[in-house]
Amino acid sequence: MPPVFKALATIAVWVLFVVGLFALVTAFARLTGAGMGFSSSPELSLMYAYFGFGISGLFLSVLAMKLRKGLE
């Protein structure tokens, strides 16, 4: 494989990892700011969306790294 594909895969992995981590940190910050989420406000569903997006971003970054290792 040409090295450009490995470089693009590495960039994709880092972007997915950083975005997933940022989403998790944002979800924890919103959860802490909302009084531990004991209300049924519309913001609670937004926090669940942040958690889901963060976890899926981290999972996809691990999957992309496995694929990148397969390119070698």
PDB file of N, CA and C in Angstrom:
ATOM      1  N   MET A   1       0.836  -1.182   0.000  1.00  0.00           N
ATOM      2  CA  MET A   1       0.000   0.000   0.000  1.00  0.00           C
ATOM      3  C   MET A   1       0.882   1.248   0.000  1.00  0.00           C
ATOM      4  N   PRO A   2       0.460   2.245  -0.747  1.00  0.00           N
ATOM      5  CA  PRO A   2       1.202   3.509  -0.712  1.00  0.00           C
ATOM      6  C   PRO A   2       1.107   4.156   0.675  1.00  0.00           C
ATOM      7  N   PRO A   3       2.141   4.877   1.047  1.00  0.00           N
ATOM      8  CA  PRO A   3       2.136   5.495   2.382  1.00  0.00           C
ATOM      9  C   PRO A   3       1.054   6.560   2.565  1.00  0.00           C
ATOM     10  N   VAL A   4       0.513   7.090   1.480  1.00  0.00           N
ATOM     11  CA  VAL A   4      -0.516   8.118   1.619  1.00  0.00           C
ATOM     12  C   VAL A   4      -1.778   7.529   2.268  1.00  0.00           C
ATOM     13  N   PHE A   5      -2.098   6.267   1.989  1.00  0.00           N
ATOM     14  CA  PHE A   5      -3.269   5.651   2.591  1.00  0.00           C
ATOM     15  C   PHE A   5      -3.069   5.428   4.088  1.00  0.00           C
ATOM     16  N   LYS A   6      -1.855   5.077   4.475  1.00  0.00           N
ATOM     17  CA  LYS A   6      -1.563   4.915   5.901  1.00  0.00           C
ATOM     18  C   LYS A   6      -1.662   6.261   6.621  1.00  0.00           C
ATOM     19  N   ALA A   7      -1.184   7.302   5.968  1.00  0.00           N
ATOM     20  CA  ALA A   7      -1.251   8.632   6.574  1.00  0.00           C
ATOM     21  C   ALA A   7      -2.703   9.087   6.708  1.00  0.00           C
ATOM     22  N   LEU A   8      -3.518   8.847   5.691  1.00  0.00           N
ATOM     23  CA  LEU A   8      -4.927   9.231   5.774  1.00  0.00           C
ATOM     24  C   LEU A   8      -5.660   8.426   6.838  1.00  0.00           C
ATOM     25  N   ALA A   9      -5.326   7.153   6.960  1.00  0.00           N
ATOM     26  CA  ALA A   9      -5.953   6.327   7.999  1.00  0.00           C
ATOM     27  C   ALA A   9      -5.547   6.811   9.385  1.00  0.00           C
ATOM     28  N   THR A  10      -4.290   7.200   9.556  1.00  0.00           N
ATOM     29  CA  THR A  10      -3.822   7.707  10.845  1.00  0.00           C
ATOM     30  C   THR A  10      -4.519   9.020  11.203  1.00  0.00           C
ATOM     31  N   ILE A  11      -4.693   9.882  10.217  1.00  0.00           N
ATOM     32  CA  ILE A  11      -5.390  11.145  10.463  1.00  0.00           C
ATOM     33  C   ILE A  11      -6.840  10.885  10.850  1.00  0.00           C
ATOM     34  N   ALA A  12      -7.476   9.945  10.161  1.00  0.00           N
ATOM     35  CA  ALA A  12      -8.870   9.610  10.480  1.00  0.00           C
ATOM     36  C   ALA A  12      -8.990   9.055  11.892  1.00  0.00           C
ATOM     37  N   VAL A  13      -8.036   8.217  12.291  1.00  0.00           N
ATOM     38  CA  VAL A  13      -8.054   7.648  13.640  1.00  0.00           C
ATOM     39  C   VAL A  13      -7.938   8.748  14.683  1.00  0.00           C
ATOM     40  N   TRP A  14      -7.013   9.663  14.492  1.00  0.00           N
ATOM     41  CA  TRP A  14      -6.828  10.725  15.475  1.00  0.00           C
ATOM     42  C   TRP A  14      -8.031  11.662  15.526  1.00  0.00           C
ATOM     43  N   VAL A  15      -8.616  11.955  14.384  1.00  0.00           N
ATOM     44  CA  VAL A  15      -9.801  12.823  14.377  1.00  0.00           C
ATOM     45  C   VAL A  15     -10.954  12.145  15.109  1.00  0.00           C
ATOM     46  N   LEU A  16     -11.195  10.866  14.830  1.00  0.00           N
ATOM     47  CA  LEU A  16     -12.256  10.138  15.522  1.00  0.00           C
ATOM     48  C   LEU A  16     -12.004  10.074  17.022  1.00  0.00           C
ATOM     49  N   PHE A  17     -10.749   9.846  17.408  1.00  0.00           N
ATOM     50  CA  PHE A  17     -10.420   9.751  18.824  1.00  0.00           C
ATOM     51  C   PHE A  17     -10.633  11.082  19.532  1.00  0.00           C
ATOM     52  N   VAL A  18     -10.168  12.157  18.943  1.00  0.00           N
ATOM     53  CA  VAL A  18     -10.286  13.474  19.578  1.00  0.00           C
ATOM     54  C   VAL A  18     -11.747  13.906  19.654  1.00  0.00           C
ATOM     55  N   VAL A  19     -12.516  13.674  18.597  1.00  0.00           N
ATOM     56  CA  VAL A  19     -13.925  14.059  18.603  1.00  0.00           C
ATOM     57  C   VAL A  19     -14.701  13.218  19.622  1.00  0.00           C
ATOM     58  N   GLY A  20     -14.403  11.922  19.687  1.00  0.00           N
ATOM     59  CA  GLY A  20     -15.073  11.068  20.668  1.00  0.00           C
ATOM     60  C   GLY A  20     -14.746  11.462  22.086  1.00  0.00           C
ATOM     61  N   LEU A  21     -13.484  11.760  22.338  1.00  0.00           N
ATOM     62  CA  LEU A  21     -13.071  12.184  23.674  1.00  0.00           C
ATOM     63  C   LEU A  21     -13.702  13.534  24.044  1.00  0.00           C
ATOM     64  N   PHE A  22     -13.743  14.432  23.090  1.00  0.00           N
ATOM     65  CA  PHE A  22     -14.358  15.737  23.334  1.00  0.00           C
ATOM     66  C   PHE A  22     -15.850  15.598  23.631  1.00  0.00           C
ATOM     67  N   ALA A  23     -16.528  14.702  22.919  1.00  0.00           N
ATOM     68  CA  ALA A  23     -17.957  14.492  23.169  1.00  0.00           C
ATOM     69  C   ALA A  23     -18.188  13.915  24.562  1.00  0.00           C
ATOM     70  N   LEU A  24     -17.331  12.993  24.994  1.00  0.00           N
ATOM     71  CA  LEU A  24     -17.481  12.442  26.342  1.00  0.00           C
ATOM     72  C   LEU A  24     -17.220  13.494  27.417  1.00  0.00           C
ATOM     73  N   VAL A  25     -16.207  14.308  27.215  1.00  0.00           N
ATOM     74  CA  VAL A  25     -15.906  15.361  28.184  1.00  0.00           C
ATOM     75  C   VAL A  25     -17.053  16.369  28.234  1.00  0.00           C
ATOM     76  N   THR A  26     -17.608  16.708  27.079  1.00  0.00           N
ATOM     77  CA  THR A  26     -18.732  17.632  27.031  1.00  0.00           C
ATOM     78  C   THR A  26     -19.954  17.039  27.736  1.00  0.00           C
ATOM     79  N   ALA A  27     -20.190  15.748  27.537  1.00  0.00           N
ATOM     80  CA  ALA A  27     -21.323  15.101  28.196  1.00  0.00           C
ATOM     81  C   ALA A  27     -21.145  15.098  29.711  1.00  0.00           C
ATOM     82  N   PHE A  28     -19.933  14.798  30.176  1.00  0.00           N
ATOM     83  CA  PHE A  28     -19.692  14.827  31.619  1.00  0.00           C
ATOM     84  C   PHE A  28     -19.831  16.237  32.174  1.00  0.00           C
ATOM     85  N   ALA A  29     -19.387  17.232  31.433  1.00  0.00           N
ATOM     86  CA  ALA A  29     -19.507  18.615  31.896  1.00  0.00           C
ATOM     87  C   ALA A  29     -20.967  19.033  31.962  1.00  0.00           C
ATOM     88  N   ARG A  30     -21.752  18.654  30.964  1.00  0.00           N
ATOM     89  CA  ARG A  30     -23.179  18.988  30.992  1.00  0.00           C
ATOM     90  C   ARG A  30     -23.893  18.238  32.103  1.00  0.00           C
ATOM     91  N   LEU A  31     -23.503  16.988  32.327  1.00  0.00           N
ATOM     92  CA  LEU A  31     -24.130  16.194  33.381  1.00  0.00           C
ATOM     93  C   LEU A  31     -23.837  16.794  34.745  1.00  0.00           C
ATOM     94  N   THR A  32     -22.618  17.237  34.956  1.00  0.00           N
ATOM     95  CA  THR A  32     -22.244  17.851  36.230  1.00  0.00           C
ATOM     96  C   THR A  32     -22.943  19.197  36.404  1.00  0.00           C
ATOM     97  N   GLY A  33     -23.071  19.937  35.330  1.00  0.00           N
ATOM     98  CA  GLY A  33     -23.720  21.241  35.405  1.00  0.00           C
ATOM     99  C   GLY A  33     -25.225  21.151  35.556  1.00  0.00           C
ATOM    100  N   ALA A  34     -25.816  20.021  35.190  1.00  0.00           N
ATOM    101  CA  ALA A  34     -27.271  19.874  35.264  1.00  0.00           C
ATOM    102  C   ALA A  34     -27.718  19.247  36.573  1.00  0.00           C
ATOM    103  N   GLY A  35     -26.875  19.193  37.553  1.00  0.00           N
ATOM    104  CA  GLY A  35     -27.267  18.615  38.833  1.00  0.00           C
ATOM    105  C   GLY A  35     -27.360  17.107  38.778  1.00  0.00           C
ATOM    106  N   MET A  36     -26.405  16.498  38.144  1.00  0.00           N
ATOM    107  CA  MET A  36     -26.291  15.040  38.017  1.00  0.00           C
ATOM    108  C   MET A  36     -27.435  14.422  37.218  1.00  0.00           C
ATOM    109  N   GLY A  37     -28.165  15.195  36.450  1.00  0.00           N
ATOM    110  CA  GLY A  37     -29.145  14.667  35.519  1.00  0.00           C
ATOM    111  C   GLY A  37     -30.377  14.060  36.146  1.00  0.00           C
ATOM    112  N   PHE A  38     -30.806  14.552  37.285  1.00  0.00           N
ATOM    113  CA  PHE A  38     -31.993  13.996  37.931  1.00  0.00           C
ATOM    114  C   PHE A  38     -33.286  14.653  37.449  1.00  0.00           C
ATOM    115  N   SER A  39     -33.192  15.509  36.468  1.00  0.00           N
ATOM    116  CA  SER A  39     -34.399  16.139  35.952  1.00  0.00           C
ATOM    117  C   SER A  39     -34.778  15.492  34.621  1.00  0.00           C
ATOM    118  N   SER A  40     -35.979  15.726  34.196  1.00  0.00           N
ATOM    119  CA  SER A  40     -36.427  15.188  32.919  1.00  0.00           C
ATOM    120  C   SER A  40     -36.432  16.282  31.860  1.00  0.00           C
ATOM    121  N   SER A  41     -35.475  17.143  31.907  1.00  0.00           N
ATOM    122  CA  SER A  41     -35.416  18.248  30.965  1.00  0.00           C
ATOM    123  C   SER A  41     -34.986  17.743  29.588  1.00  0.00           C
ATOM    124  N   PRO A  42     -35.218  18.526  28.560  1.00  0.00           N
ATOM    125  CA  PRO A  42     -34.786  18.119  27.221  1.00  0.00           C
ATOM    126  C   PRO A  42     -33.271  18.015  27.110  1.00  0.00           C
ATOM    127  N   GLU A  43     -32.551  18.655  28.006  1.00  0.00           N
ATOM    128  CA  GLU A  43     -31.096  18.592  27.977  1.00  0.00           C
ATOM    129  C   GLU A  43     -30.588  17.195  28.306  1.00  0.00           C
ATOM    130  N   LEU A  44     -31.388  16.403  29.014  1.00  0.00           N
ATOM    131  CA  LEU A  44     -30.969  15.061  29.390  1.00  0.00           C
ATOM    132  C   LEU A  44     -30.809  14.184  28.156  1.00  0.00           C
ATOM    133  N   SER A  45     -31.713  14.304  27.198  1.00  0.00           N
ATOM    134  CA  SER A  45     -31.572  13.520  25.972  1.00  0.00           C
ATOM    135  C   SER A  45     -30.366  13.982  25.175  1.00  0.00           C
ATOM    136  N   LEU A  46     -30.041  15.263  25.246  1.00  0.00           N
ATOM    137  CA  LEU A  46     -28.854  15.763  24.573  1.00  0.00           C
ATOM    138  C   LEU A  46     -27.594  15.187  25.205  1.00  0.00           C
ATOM    139  N   MET A  47     -27.599  15.024  26.521  1.00  0.00           N
ATOM    140  CA  MET A  47     -26.446  14.418  27.194  1.00  0.00           C
ATOM    141  C   MET A  47     -26.285  12.956  26.788  1.00  0.00           C
ATOM    142  N   TYR A  48     -27.409  12.248  26.665  1.00  0.00           N
ATOM    143  CA  TYR A  48     -27.333  10.861  26.195  1.00  0.00           C
ATOM    144  C   TYR A  48     -26.779  10.799  24.775  1.00  0.00           C
ATOM    145  N   ALA A  49     -27.138  11.768  23.959  1.00  0.00           N
ATOM    146  CA  ALA A  49     -26.619  11.812  22.588  1.00  0.00           C
ATOM    147  C   ALA A  49     -25.116  12.050  22.597  1.00  0.00           C
ATOM    148  N   TYR A  50     -24.648  12.934  23.467  1.00  0.00           N
ATOM    149  CA  TYR A  50     -23.207  13.166  23.576  1.00  0.00           C
ATOM    150  C   TYR A  50     -22.479  11.904  24.026  1.00  0.00           C
ATOM    151  N   PHE A  51     -23.026  11.201  25.010  1.00  0.00           N
ATOM    152  CA  PHE A  51     -22.402   9.958  25.470  1.00  0.00           C
ATOM    153  C   PHE A  51     -22.353   8.930  24.338  1.00  0.00           C
ATOM    154  N   GLY A  52     -23.449   8.773  23.636  1.00  0.00           N
ATOM    155  CA  GLY A  52     -23.488   7.809  22.541  1.00  0.00           C
ATOM    156  C   GLY A  52     -22.525   8.169  21.434  1.00  0.00           C
ATOM    157  N   PHE A  53     -22.469   9.454  21.095  1.00  0.00           N
ATOM    158  CA  PHE A  53     -21.557   9.900  20.052  1.00  0.00           C
ATOM    159  C   PHE A  53     -20.103   9.729  20.486  1.00  0.00           C
ATOM    160  N   GLY A  54     -19.814  10.013  21.741  1.00  0.00           N
ATOM    161  CA  GLY A  54     -18.447   9.868  22.235  1.00  0.00           C
ATOM    162  C   GLY A  54     -17.993   8.423  22.260  1.00  0.00           C
ATOM    163  N   ILE A  55     -18.845   7.542  22.746  1.00  0.00           N
ATOM    164  CA  ILE A  55     -18.480   6.129  22.812  1.00  0.00           C
ATOM    165  C   ILE A  55     -18.346   5.544  21.414  1.00  0.00           C
ATOM    166  N   SER A  56     -19.266   5.913  20.516  1.00  0.00           N
ATOM    167  CA  SER A  56     -19.154   5.389  19.154  1.00  0.00           C
ATOM    168  C   SER A  56     -17.929   5.958  18.444  1.00  0.00           C
ATOM    169  N   GLY A  57     -17.575   7.199  18.713  1.00  0.00           N
ATOM    170  CA  GLY A  57     -16.360   7.765  18.122  1.00  0.00           C
ATOM    171  C   GLY A  57     -15.106   7.050  18.591  1.00  0.00           C
ATOM    172  N   LEU A  58     -15.055   6.742  19.882  1.00  0.00           N
ATOM    173  CA  LEU A  58     -13.895   6.006  20.397  1.00  0.00           C
ATOM    174  C   LEU A  58     -13.851   4.589  19.836  1.00  0.00           C
ATOM    175  N   PHE A  59     -15.016   3.940  19.732  1.00  0.00           N
ATOM    176  CA  PHE A  59     -15.070   2.597  19.162  1.00  0.00           C
ATOM    177  C   PHE A  59     -14.624   2.606  17.697  1.00  0.00           C
ATOM    178  N   LEU A  60     -15.095   3.586  16.936  1.00  0.00           N
ATOM    179  CA  LEU A  60     -14.708   3.669  15.533  1.00  0.00           C
ATOM    180  C   LEU A  60     -13.227   3.994  15.364  1.00  0.00           C
ATOM    181  N   SER A  61     -12.645   4.745  16.292  1.00  0.00           N
ATOM    182  CA  SER A  61     -11.213   5.024  16.191  1.00  0.00           C
ATOM    183  C   SER A  61     -10.399   3.754  16.421  1.00  0.00           C
ATOM    184  N   VAL A  62     -10.848   2.904  17.347  1.00  0.00           N
ATOM    185  CA  VAL A  62     -10.159   1.630  17.561  1.00  0.00           C
ATOM    186  C   VAL A  62     -10.306   0.742  16.329  1.00  0.00           C
ATOM    187  N   LEU A  63     -11.490   0.711  15.752  1.00  0.00           N
ATOM    188  CA  LEU A  63     -11.720  -0.086  14.553  1.00  0.00           C
ATOM    189  C   LEU A  63     -10.869   0.416  13.382  1.00  0.00           C
ATOM    190  N   ALA A  64     -10.782   1.728  13.222  1.00  0.00           N
ATOM    191  CA  ALA A  64      -9.962   2.290  12.148  1.00  0.00           C
ATOM    192  C   ALA A  64      -8.475   2.001  12.372  1.00  0.00           C
ATOM    193  N   MET A  65      -8.032   1.976  13.625  1.00  0.00           N
ATOM    194  CA  MET A  65      -6.630   1.653  13.884  1.00  0.00           C
ATOM    195  C   MET A  65      -6.341   0.196  13.542  1.00  0.00           C
ATOM    196  N   LYS A  66      -7.300  -0.693  13.838  1.00  0.00           N
ATOM    197  CA  LYS A  66      -7.129  -2.105  13.447  1.00  0.00           C
ATOM    198  C   LYS A  66      -7.035  -2.226  11.934  1.00  0.00           C
ATOM    199  N   LEU A  67      -7.866  -1.480  11.209  1.00  0.00           N
ATOM    200  CA  LEU A  67      -7.806  -1.498   9.753  1.00  0.00           C
ATOM    201  C   LEU A  67      -6.491  -0.933   9.246  1.00  0.00           C
ATOM    202  N   ARG A  68      -5.997   0.098   9.909  1.00  0.00           N
ATOM    203  CA  ARG A  68      -4.716   0.696   9.510  1.00  0.00           C
ATOM    204  C   ARG A  68      -3.591  -0.290   9.697  1.00  0.00           C
ATOM    205  N   LYS A  69      -3.630  -1.037  10.794  1.00  0.00           N
ATOM    206  CA  LYS A  69      -2.603  -2.060  11.035  1.00  0.00           C
ATOM    207  C   LYS A  69      -2.668  -3.139   9.963  1.00  0.00           C
ATOM    208  N   GLY A  70      -3.862  -3.386   9.439  1.00  0.00           N
ATOM    209  CA  GLY A  70      -4.008  -4.361   8.364  1.00  0.00           C
ATOM    210  C   GLY A  70      -3.420  -3.885   7.054  1.00  0.00           C
ATOM    211  N   LEU A  71      -3.232  -2.576   6.900  1.00  0.00           N
ATOM    212  CA  LEU A  71      -2.634  -2.050   5.675  1.00  0.00           C
ATOM    213  C   LEU A  71      -1.139  -2.304   5.608  1.00  0.00           C
ATOM    214  N   GLU A  72      -0.533  -2.627   6.705  1.00  0.00           N
ATOM    215  CA  GLU A  72       0.920  -2.832   6.720  1.00  0.00           C
ATOM    216  C   GLU A  72       1.317  -4.169   6.191  1.00  0.00           C
TER     217      GLU A  72
END
